[in-house]
C-alpha atoms as a PDB file:
ATOM      1  CA  LYS A   1      -6.680 -15.016  -4.486  1.00  0.00           C
ATOM      2  CA  GLY A   2      -4.338 -13.568  -1.872  1.00  0.00           C
ATOM      3  CA  LEU A   3      -4.608 -14.368   1.831  1.00  0.00           C
ATOM      4  CA  ASN A   4      -8.367 -13.722   1.923  1.00  0.00           C
ATOM      5  CA  LEU A   5      -8.048 -11.408   4.945  1.00  0.00           C
ATOM      6  CA  LEU A   6     -10.042  -8.609   3.296  1.00  0.00           C
ATOM      7  CA  ASN A   7     -13.220  -8.683   1.224  1.00  0.00           C
ATOM      8  CA  GLY A   8     -12.495  -8.069  -2.426  1.00  0.00           C
ATOM      9  CA  LYS A   9     -10.238  -9.530  -5.041  1.00  0.00           C
ATOM     10  CA  VAL A  10      -6.648  -9.494  -6.202  1.00  0.00           C
ATOM     11  CA  VAL A  11      -5.964  -8.653  -9.844  1.00  0.00           C
ATOM     12  CA  ARG A  12      -2.951  -8.711 -12.128  1.00  0.00           C
ATOM     13  CA  PHE A  13      -1.743  -5.537 -13.778  1.00  0.00           C
ATOM     14  CA  PRO A  14      -2.972  -5.136 -17.377  1.00  0.00           C
ATOM     15  CA  LYS A  15      -0.898  -6.886 -20.033  1.00  0.00           C
ATOM     16  CA  LYS A  16       0.020  -3.512 -21.580  1.00  0.00           C
ATOM     17  CA  LEU A  17       2.219  -2.770 -18.534  1.00  0.00           C
ATOM     18  CA  LYS A  18       5.651  -4.160 -17.771  1.00  0.00           C
ATOM     19  CA  VAL A  19       5.111  -6.784 -15.087  1.00  0.00           C
ATOM     20  CA  PRO A  20       6.323  -7.198 -12.472  1.00  0.00           C
ATOM     21  CA  HIS A  21       6.182  -3.568 -11.413  1.00  0.00           C
ATOM     22  CA  ILE A  22       9.670  -3.147  -9.958  1.00  0.00           C
ATOM     23  CA  GLY A  23      11.169   0.094  -8.757  1.00  0.00           C
ATOM     24  CA  TRP A  24      10.344   3.377  -7.088  1.00  0.00           C
ATOM     25  CA  ASN A  25       6.912   4.939  -7.280  1.00  0.00           C
ATOM     26  CA  LEU A  26       4.849   7.471  -5.352  1.00  0.00           C
ATOM     27  CA  VAL A  27       2.414   6.594  -2.561  1.00  0.00           C
ATOM     28  CA  GLU A  28      -0.290   9.167  -1.882  1.00  0.00           C
ATOM     29  CA  ALA A  29      -2.170   9.113   1.421  1.00  0.00           C
ATOM     30  CA  VAL A  30      -5.976   9.117   1.219  1.00  0.00           C
ATOM     31  CA  GLY A  31      -8.031   9.364   4.386  1.00  0.00           C
ATOM     32  CA  ASP A  32      -6.965   8.726   7.969  1.00  0.00           C
ATOM     33  CA  SER A  33      -4.281   6.086   8.300  1.00  0.00           C
ATOM     34  CA  VAL A  34      -2.291   4.427  11.060  1.00  0.00           C
ATOM     35  CA  LEU A  35       0.628   3.536   8.800  1.00  0.00           C
ATOM     36  CA  LEU A  36       0.742   6.871   6.988  1.00  0.00           C
ATOM     37  CA  SER A  37       0.032   9.138   9.955  1.00  0.00           C
ATOM     38  CA  ASN A  38       2.123  12.293  10.311  1.00  0.00           C
ATOM     39  CA  TYR A  39       3.039  12.375   6.665  1.00  0.00           C
ATOM     40  CA  ASP A  40       1.776  14.727   4.002  1.00  0.00           C
ATOM     41  CA  GLY A  41       1.415  14.388   0.284  1.00  0.00           C
ATOM     42  CA  LYS A  42       3.225  11.790  -1.762  1.00  0.00           C
ATOM     43  CA  LYS A  43       6.297   9.792  -0.816  1.00  0.00           C
ATOM     44  CA  TRP A  44       8.558   7.476  -2.807  1.00  0.00           C
ATOM     45  CA  ALA A  45       8.432   3.760  -2.014  1.00  0.00           C
ATOM     46  CA  TYR A  46       9.996   0.642  -3.522  1.00  0.00           C
ATOM     47  CA  PHE A  47       7.662  -1.814  -5.276  1.00  0.00           C
ATOM     48  CA  ALA A  48       8.120  -5.341  -6.621  1.00  0.00           C
ATOM     49  CA  HIS A  49       4.771  -6.935  -7.520  1.00  0.00           C
ATOM     50  CA  SER A  50       2.501  -8.118 -10.332  1.00  0.00           C
ATOM     51  CA  TYR A  51      -0.859  -8.021  -8.541  1.00  0.00           C
ATOM     52  CA  TYR A  52      -2.784  -5.527  -6.447  1.00  0.00           C
ATOM     53  CA  PRO A  53      -5.897  -5.614  -4.238  1.00  0.00           C
ATOM     54  CA  LEU A  54      -9.341  -4.325  -5.147  1.00  0.00           C
ATOM     55  CA  PRO A  55     -11.156  -4.218  -1.810  1.00  0.00           C
ATOM     56  CA  LYS A  56     -14.957  -4.177  -1.783  1.00  0.00           C
ATOM     57  CA  ASP A  57     -14.921  -1.522   0.926  1.00  0.00           C
ATOM     58  CA  LYS A  58     -13.113   1.466  -0.589  1.00  0.00           C
ATOM     59  CA  GLU A  59     -12.914   3.080   2.869  1.00  0.00           C
ATOM     60  CA  ILE A  60     -10.080   0.713   3.820  1.00  0.00           C
ATOM     61  CA  ILE A  61      -7.857   2.171   1.082  1.00  0.00           C
ATOM     62  CA  LYS A  62      -5.402   4.507   2.813  1.00  0.00           C
ATOM     63  CA  GLY A  63      -2.789   4.956   0.093  1.00  0.00           C
ATOM     64  CA  ILE A  64      -2.883   4.944  -3.694  1.00  0.00           C
ATOM     65  CA  THR A  65      -0.257   4.663  -6.410  1.00  0.00           C
ATOM     66  CA  LEU A  66      -0.345   5.109 -10.174  1.00  0.00           C
ATOM     67  CA  TYR A  67       1.340   2.555 -12.439  1.00  0.00           C
ATOM     68  CA  GLY A  68      -0.667   2.606 -15.646  1.00  0.00           C
ATOM     69  CA  VAL A  69      -3.719   2.199 -13.419  1.00  0.00           C
ATOM     70  CA  GLU A  70      -4.418   3.677 -10.011  1.00  0.00           C
ATOM     71  CA  PHE A  71      -4.231   0.953  -7.375  1.00  0.00           C
ATOM     72  CA  PRO A  72      -4.427   0.701  -3.577  1.00  0.00           C
ATOM     73  CA  SER A  73      -0.913   0.649  -2.146  1.00  0.00           C
ATOM     74  CA  VAL A  74      -1.915   0.829   1.540  1.00  0.00           C
ATOM     75  CA  VAL A  75      -4.976  -0.800   3.109  1.00  0.00           C
ATOM     76  CA  GLU A  76      -6.095  -0.917   6.734  1.00  0.00           C
ATOM     77  CA  GLU A  77      -9.085  -2.659   8.276  1.00  0.00           C
ATOM     78  CA  LYS A  78      -9.296  -3.183  12.029  1.00  0.00           C
ATOM     79  CA  ASN A  79      -6.066  -5.023  12.917  1.00  0.00           C
ATOM     80  CA  VAL A  80      -5.139  -5.925   9.317  1.00  0.00           C
ATOM     81  CA  PHE A  81      -2.574  -3.679   7.632  1.00  0.00           C
ATOM     82  CA  GLY A  82      -1.116  -4.089   4.179  1.00  0.00           C
ATOM     83  CA  THR A  83       1.314  -2.276   1.940  1.00  0.00           C
ATOM     84  CA  GLN A  84       1.848  -3.127  -1.692  1.00  0.00           C
ATOM     85  CA  PHE A  85       5.363  -1.689  -1.472  1.00  0.00           C
ATOM     86  CA  HIS A  86       8.320  -2.916   0.569  1.00  0.00           C
ATOM     87  CA  PRO A  87       8.693  -0.574   3.559  1.00  0.00           C
ATOM     88  CA  GLU A  88      11.976  -2.240   4.543  1.00  0.00           C
ATOM     89  CA  LYS A  89      13.454  -1.111   1.199  1.00  0.00           C
ATOM     90  CA  SER A  90      11.783   2.302   1.070  1.00  0.00           C
ATOM     91  CA  GLY A  91      14.285   4.428   2.970  1.00  0.00           C
ATOM     92  CA  GLU A  92      13.155   7.056   5.454  1.00  0.00           C
ATOM     93  CA  PHE A  93       9.519   6.796   4.360  1.00  0.00           C
ATOM     94  CA  GLY A  94       9.546   3.028   4.893  1.00  0.00           C
ATOM     95  CA  ARG A  95      11.103   3.450   8.320  1.00  0.00           C
ATOM     96  CA  HIS A  96       8.310   5.879   9.171  1.00  0.00           C
ATOM     97  CA  VAL A  97       5.646   3.350   8.075  1.00  0.00           C
ATOM     98  CA  ILE A  98       7.246   0.580  10.154  1.00  0.00           C
ATOM     99  CA  GLN A  99       7.591   2.888  13.167  1.00  0.00           C
ATOM    100  CA  ASN A 100       3.909   3.837  12.944  1.00  0.00           C
ATOM    101  CA  PHE A 101       2.992   0.142  12.915  1.00  0.00           C
ATOM    102  CA  VAL A 102       5.215  -0.619  15.920  1.00  0.00           C
ATOM    103  CA  GLU A 103       3.721   2.278  17.879  1.00  0.00           C
ATOM    104  CA  TYR A 104       0.202   1.059  17.040  1.00  0.00           C
ATOM    105  CA  VAL A 105       0.985  -2.488  18.203  1.00  0.00           C
ATOM    106  CA  ARG A 106       2.473  -1.232  21.480  1.00  0.00           C
ATOM    107  CA  ARG A 107      -0.762   0.573  22.460  1.00  0.00           C
END
């Protein structure tokens, strides 16, 4: 069920995939994003998860990743921000995501 902060559902990766999804994968920005601002294209991030969100409102999806299926890896709606990856373990890209969040909160 997740935290129920966003409308939609949380689903498990298909049984055909190795779960949990652990390791490095690409995050691709889609649309305007607070967390992914000032970054182009795809960046590597560290993942460790078995489930992913399927929001009702597709406009809140700001990053996508492919692991057997394409799934939202970054979502943003009003003051709710979520990443499916671990920014604290994702090197320079993760630092950038955290810095963008801190700058947003300070406004």
